[in-house]
PDB file of N, CA and C in Angstrom:
ATOM      1  N   MET A   1      15.389 -16.686   0.171  1.00  0.00           N
ATOM      2  CA  MET A   1      14.212 -17.139   0.028  1.00  0.00           C
ATOM      3  C   MET A   1      13.699 -17.226  -1.578  1.00  0.00           C
ATOM      4  N   ALA A   2      14.247 -16.172  -2.287  1.00  0.00           N
ATOM      5  CA  ALA A   2      13.984 -16.184  -3.698  1.00  0.00           C
ATOM      6  C   ALA A   2      14.780 -17.269  -4.526  1.00  0.00           C
ATOM      7  N   ALA A   3      15.921 -17.668  -4.077  1.00  0.00           N
ATOM      8  CA  ALA A   3      16.843 -18.522  -4.481  1.00  0.00           C
ATOM      9  C   ALA A   3      15.864 -19.878  -4.369  1.00  0.00           C
ATOM     10  N   LEU A   4      15.478 -20.306  -3.078  1.00  0.00           N
ATOM     11  CA  LEU A   4      14.808 -21.420  -2.949  1.00  0.00           C
ATOM     12  C   LEU A   4      13.248 -21.308  -3.911  1.00  0.00           C
ATOM     13  N   LEU A   5      12.863 -20.369  -4.143  1.00  0.00           N
ATOM     14  CA  LEU A   5      11.350 -20.185  -4.756  1.00  0.00           C
ATOM     15  C   LEU A   5      11.975 -20.539  -6.351  1.00  0.00           C
ATOM     16  N   ARG A   6      12.956 -20.224  -6.660  1.00  0.00           N
ATOM     17  CA  ARG A   6      13.683 -20.290  -8.300  1.00  0.00           C
ATOM     18  C   ARG A   6      13.747 -21.852  -8.167  1.00  0.00           C
ATOM     19  N   ARG A   7      14.418 -22.479  -7.357  1.00  0.00           N
ATOM     20  CA  ARG A   7      14.775 -23.838  -7.268  1.00  0.00           C
ATOM     21  C   ARG A   7      13.622 -24.569  -7.322  1.00  0.00           C
ATOM     22  N   THR A   8      12.539 -24.244  -6.351  1.00  0.00           N
ATOM     23  CA  THR A   8      11.327 -24.911  -6.227  1.00  0.00           C
ATOM     24  C   THR A   8      10.559 -24.927  -7.750  1.00  0.00           C
ATOM     25  N   GLY A   9      10.503 -23.721  -8.430  1.00  0.00           N
ATOM     26  CA  GLY A   9       9.789 -23.441  -9.734  1.00  0.00           C
ATOM     27  C   GLY A   9      10.460 -24.159 -10.863  1.00  0.00           C
ATOM     28  N   SER A  10      11.749 -24.439 -10.761  1.00  0.00           N
ATOM     29  CA  SER A  10      12.431 -25.102 -11.896  1.00  0.00           C
ATOM     30  C   SER A  10      12.324 -26.691 -11.562  1.00  0.00           C
ATOM     31  N   ALA A  11      12.203 -27.180 -10.169  1.00  0.00           N
ATOM     32  CA  ALA A  11      12.066 -28.292 -10.004  1.00  0.00           C
ATOM     33  C   ALA A  11      10.649 -28.708 -10.530  1.00  0.00           C
ATOM     34  N   MET A  12       9.820 -28.014 -10.145  1.00  0.00           N
ATOM     35  CA  MET A  12       8.202 -28.274 -10.832  1.00  0.00           C
ATOM     36  C   MET A  12       8.248 -28.031 -12.224  1.00  0.00           C
ATOM     37  N   ALA A  13       8.636 -27.090 -12.989  1.00  0.00           N
ATOM     38  CA  ALA A  13       8.807 -27.231 -14.559  1.00  0.00           C
ATOM     39  C   ALA A  13       9.580 -28.596 -14.821  1.00  0.00           C
ATOM     40  N   ALA A  14      10.540 -29.078 -14.262  1.00  0.00           N
ATOM     41  CA  ALA A  14      11.327 -30.492 -14.875  1.00  0.00           C
ATOM     42  C   ALA A  14      10.085 -31.726 -14.581  1.00  0.00           C
ATOM     43  N   LEU A  15       9.690 -31.523 -13.434  1.00  0.00           N
ATOM     44  CA  LEU A  15       8.864 -32.549 -13.101  1.00  0.00           C
ATOM     45  C   LEU A  15       7.586 -32.604 -13.854  1.00  0.00           C
ATOM     46  N   LEU A  16       7.062 -31.375 -14.421  1.00  0.00           N
ATOM     47  CA  LEU A  16       5.760 -31.277 -14.942  1.00  0.00           C
ATOM     48  C   LEU A  16       5.967 -31.898 -16.683  1.00  0.00           C
ATOM     49  N   ALA A  17       7.397 -31.750 -16.875  1.00  0.00           N
ATOM     50  CA  ALA A  17       7.932 -32.100 -18.309  1.00  0.00           C
ATOM     51  C   ALA A  17       7.947 -33.724 -18.315  1.00  0.00           C
ATOM     52  N   GLU A  18       7.938 -34.441 -17.406  1.00  0.00           N
ATOM     53  CA  GLU A  18       8.204 -35.844 -17.242  1.00  0.00           C
ATOM     54  C   GLU A  18       6.484 -36.390 -17.664  1.00  0.00           C
ATOM     55  N   PRO A  19       6.780 -37.679 -17.990  1.00  0.00           N
ATOM     56  CA  PRO A  19       5.568 -38.399 -18.095  1.00  0.00           C
ATOM     57  C   PRO A  19       4.657 -38.652 -17.229  1.00  0.00           C
ATOM     58  N   LEU A  20       3.143 -38.310 -17.148  1.00  0.00           N
ATOM     59  CA  LEU A  20       2.662 -38.567 -15.697  1.00  0.00           C
ATOM     60  C   LEU A  20       2.648 -39.945 -15.318  1.00  0.00           C
ATOM     61  N   THR A  21       2.866 -40.168 -14.180  1.00  0.00           N
ATOM     62  CA  THR A  21       3.055 -41.575 -13.438  1.00  0.00           C
ATOM     63  C   THR A  21       2.480 -41.191 -12.030  1.00  0.00           C
ATOM     64  N   ALA A  22       2.379 -42.169 -11.472  1.00  0.00           N
ATOM     65  CA  ALA A  22       1.996 -42.236  -9.899  1.00  0.00           C
ATOM     66  C   ALA A  22       3.079 -41.487  -9.310  1.00  0.00           C
ATOM     67  N   SER A  23       4.440 -41.915  -9.291  1.00  0.00           N
ATOM     68  CA  SER A  23       5.716 -41.159  -8.965  1.00  0.00           C
ATOM     69  C   SER A  23       5.689 -39.903  -9.043  1.00  0.00           C
ATOM     70  N   THR A  24       5.485 -39.519 -10.427  1.00  0.00           N
ATOM     71  CA  THR A  24       5.421 -38.051 -10.740  1.00  0.00           C
ATOM     72  C   THR A  24       4.391 -37.220  -9.895  1.00  0.00           C
ATOM     73  N   LEU A  25       3.220 -37.919  -9.770  1.00  0.00           N
ATOM     74  CA  LEU A  25       2.105 -37.086  -8.910  1.00  0.00           C
ATOM     75  C   LEU A  25       2.512 -36.966  -7.841  1.00  0.00           C
ATOM     76  N   ARG A  26       3.044 -38.139  -7.010  1.00  0.00           N
ATOM     77  CA  ARG A  26       3.830 -37.941  -5.719  1.00  0.00           C
ATOM     78  C   ARG A  26       4.687 -36.951  -5.549  1.00  0.00           C
ATOM     79  N   ARG A  27       5.567 -36.809  -6.281  1.00  0.00           N
ATOM     80  CA  ARG A  27       6.648 -35.857  -6.066  1.00  0.00           C
ATOM     81  C   ARG A  27       6.186 -34.717  -6.542  1.00  0.00           C
ATOM     82  N   ARG A  28       5.213 -34.435  -7.203  1.00  0.00           N
ATOM     83  CA  ARG A  28       4.509 -33.247  -7.559  1.00  0.00           C
ATOM     84  C   ARG A  28       3.777 -32.495  -6.098  1.00  0.00           C
ATOM     85  N   GLU A  29       3.403 -33.255  -5.457  1.00  0.00           N
ATOM     86  CA  GLU A  29       2.346 -33.147  -4.193  1.00  0.00           C
ATOM     87  C   GLU A  29       3.402 -33.020  -3.114  1.00  0.00           C
ATOM     88  N   VAL A  30       4.697 -33.548  -3.059  1.00  0.00           N
ATOM     89  CA  VAL A  30       5.698 -33.103  -1.967  1.00  0.00           C
ATOM     90  C   VAL A  30       6.224 -31.521  -2.508  1.00  0.00           C
ATOM     91  N   LEU A  31       6.414 -31.458  -3.541  1.00  0.00           N
ATOM     92  CA  LEU A  31       6.843 -30.203  -4.153  1.00  0.00           C
ATOM     93  C   LEU A  31       5.681 -29.033  -3.718  1.00  0.00           C
ATOM     94  N   ARG A  32       4.384 -29.282  -3.921  1.00  0.00           N
ATOM     95  CA  ARG A  32       3.498 -28.500  -3.608  1.00  0.00           C
ATOM     96  C   ARG A  32       3.452 -28.064  -1.985  1.00  0.00           C
ATOM     97  N   ARG A  33       3.443 -29.029  -1.265  1.00  0.00           N
ATOM     98  CA  ARG A  33       3.501 -29.414   0.277  1.00  0.00           C
ATOM     99  C   ARG A  33       4.712 -28.312   0.672  1.00  0.00           C
ATOM    100  N   LEU A  34       5.891 -28.668   0.294  1.00  0.00           N
ATOM    101  CA  LEU A  34       7.091 -27.917   0.359  1.00  0.00           C
ATOM    102  C   LEU A  34       6.815 -26.246   0.437  1.00  0.00           C
ATOM    103  N   ASP A  35       6.341 -25.887  -0.860  1.00  0.00           N
ATOM    104  CA  ASP A  35       5.767 -24.757  -1.296  1.00  0.00           C
ATOM    105  C   ASP A  35       5.340 -24.111  -0.141  1.00  0.00           C
ATOM    106  N   ILE A  36       4.019 -24.746  -0.018  1.00  0.00           N
ATOM    107  CA  ILE A  36       3.141 -24.105   1.149  1.00  0.00           C
ATOM    108  C   ILE A  36       3.701 -23.877   2.658  1.00  0.00           C
ATOM    109  N   VAL A  37       4.775 -24.819   3.013  1.00  0.00           N
ATOM    110  CA  VAL A  37       5.276 -24.789   4.363  1.00  0.00           C
ATOM    111  C   VAL A  37       6.323 -23.513   4.061  1.00  0.00           C
ATOM    112  N   GLY A  38       6.984 -23.079   3.006  1.00  0.00           N
ATOM    113  CA  GLY A  38       7.702 -21.927   2.750  1.00  0.00           C
ATOM    114  C   GLY A  38       6.782 -20.643   2.997  1.00  0.00           C
ATOM    115  N   LEU A  39       5.641 -20.650   2.351  1.00  0.00           N
ATOM    116  CA  LEU A  39       4.607 -19.595   2.270  1.00  0.00           C
ATOM    117  C   LEU A  39       4.381 -19.480   3.869  1.00  0.00           C
ATOM    118  N   ARG A  40       3.962 -20.451   4.645  1.00  0.00           N
ATOM    119  CA  ARG A  40       3.593 -20.134   5.957  1.00  0.00           C
ATOM    120  C   ARG A  40       4.843 -19.667   6.828  1.00  0.00           C
ATOM    121  N   LEU A  41       6.042 -20.270   6.720  1.00  0.00           N
ATOM    122  CA  LEU A  41       7.123 -19.781   7.527  1.00  0.00           C
ATOM    123  C   LEU A  41       7.615 -18.016   7.304  1.00  0.00           C
ATOM    124  N   SER A  42       7.273 -17.745   5.827  1.00  0.00           N
ATOM    125  CA  SER A  42       7.269 -16.562   5.706  1.00  0.00           C
ATOM    126  C   SER A  42       6.541 -15.535   6.324  1.00  0.00           C
ATOM    127  N   GLU A  43       5.157 -16.155   6.333  1.00  0.00           N
ATOM    128  CA  GLU A  43       4.179 -15.310   6.887  1.00  0.00           C
ATOM    129  C   GLU A  43       4.399 -15.029   8.509  1.00  0.00           C
ATOM    130  N   ALA A  44       4.807 -16.231   8.921  1.00  0.00           N
ATOM    131  CA  ALA A  44       5.268 -16.287  10.435  1.00  0.00           C
ATOM    132  C   ALA A  44       6.307 -15.331  10.760  1.00  0.00           C
ATOM    133  N   ALA A  45       7.405 -15.290  10.179  1.00  0.00           N
ATOM    134  CA  ALA A  45       8.549 -14.540  10.307  1.00  0.00           C
ATOM    135  C   ALA A  45       8.045 -13.034  10.173  1.00  0.00           C
ATOM    136  N   ASP A  46       7.186 -12.677   9.205  1.00  0.00           N
ATOM    137  CA  ASP A  46       6.985 -11.425   8.954  1.00  0.00           C
ATOM    138  C   ASP A  46       5.733 -10.999  10.131  1.00  0.00           C
ATOM    139  N   HIS A  47       5.234 -11.933  10.875  1.00  0.00           N
ATOM    140  CA  HIS A  47       4.171 -11.434  11.932  1.00  0.00           C
ATOM    141  C   HIS A  47       5.133 -11.269  13.222  1.00  0.00           C
ATOM    142  N   HIS A  48       6.365 -12.134  13.385  1.00  0.00           N
ATOM    143  CA  HIS A  48       7.101 -11.925  14.533  1.00  0.00           C
ATOM    144  C   HIS A  48       8.024 -10.724  14.434  1.00  0.00           C
ATOM    145  N   ALA A  49       8.293 -10.277  13.008  1.00  0.00           N
ATOM    146  CA  ALA A  49       9.023  -8.938  12.927  1.00  0.00           C
ATOM    147  C   ALA A  49       8.059  -8.097  13.229  1.00  0.00           C
ATOM    148  N   THR A  50       6.883  -7.888  13.016  1.00  0.00           N
ATOM    149  CA  THR A  50       6.080  -6.767  13.191  1.00  0.00           C
ATOM    150  C   THR A  50       5.826  -6.644  14.891  1.00  0.00           C
ATOM    151  N   ALA A  51       5.619  -7.840  15.370  1.00  0.00           N
ATOM    152  CA  ALA A  51       5.301  -7.767  16.977  1.00  0.00           C
ATOM    153  C   ALA A  51       6.702  -7.281  17.571  1.00  0.00           C
ATOM    154  N   ALA A  52       7.836  -7.672  16.910  1.00  0.00           N
ATOM    155  CA  ALA A  52       8.923  -7.009  17.775  1.00  0.00           C
ATOM    156  C   ALA A  52       9.110  -5.513  17.428  1.00  0.00           C
ATOM    157  N   ILE A  53       8.636  -5.361  16.428  1.00  0.00           N
ATOM    158  CA  ILE A  53       8.797  -3.638  16.373  1.00  0.00           C
ATOM    159  C   ILE A  53       7.741  -3.024  17.122  1.00  0.00           C
ATOM    160  N   LYS A  54       6.436  -3.612  17.299  1.00  0.00           N
ATOM    161  CA  LYS A  54       5.390  -2.934  18.139  1.00  0.00           C
ATOM    162  C   LYS A  54       5.817  -2.949  19.603  1.00  0.00           C
ATOM    163  N   ARG A  55       6.592  -4.172  20.137  1.00  0.00           N
ATOM    164  CA  ARG A  55       6.683  -4.164  21.293  1.00  0.00           C
ATOM    165  C   ARG A  55       8.104  -3.243  21.660  1.00  0.00           C
ATOM    166  N   TRP A  56       8.960  -2.942  21.045  1.00  0.00           N
ATOM    167  CA  TRP A  56      10.055  -2.110  21.267  1.00  0.00           C
ATOM    168  C   TRP A  56      10.207  -1.016  20.580  1.00  0.00           C
ATOM    169  N   THR A  57       9.021  -0.416  20.178  1.00  0.00           N
ATOM    170  CA  THR A  57       9.010   0.945  19.821  1.00  0.00           C
ATOM    171  C   THR A  57       8.061   1.857  20.421  1.00  0.00           C
TER     172      THR A  57
END
């Protein structure tokens, strides 16, 4: 997960270094949405792990 965050961060940094165009804005939005999906997946995994611990202990 940390490696993915580093790659996303470096991809965003590279993207922001480019000139501002419609294409750049679209790619920035895609990266932002992927970041949000990753956060939600992480939260869901945490909740599932907590539920499993509560159920079997």
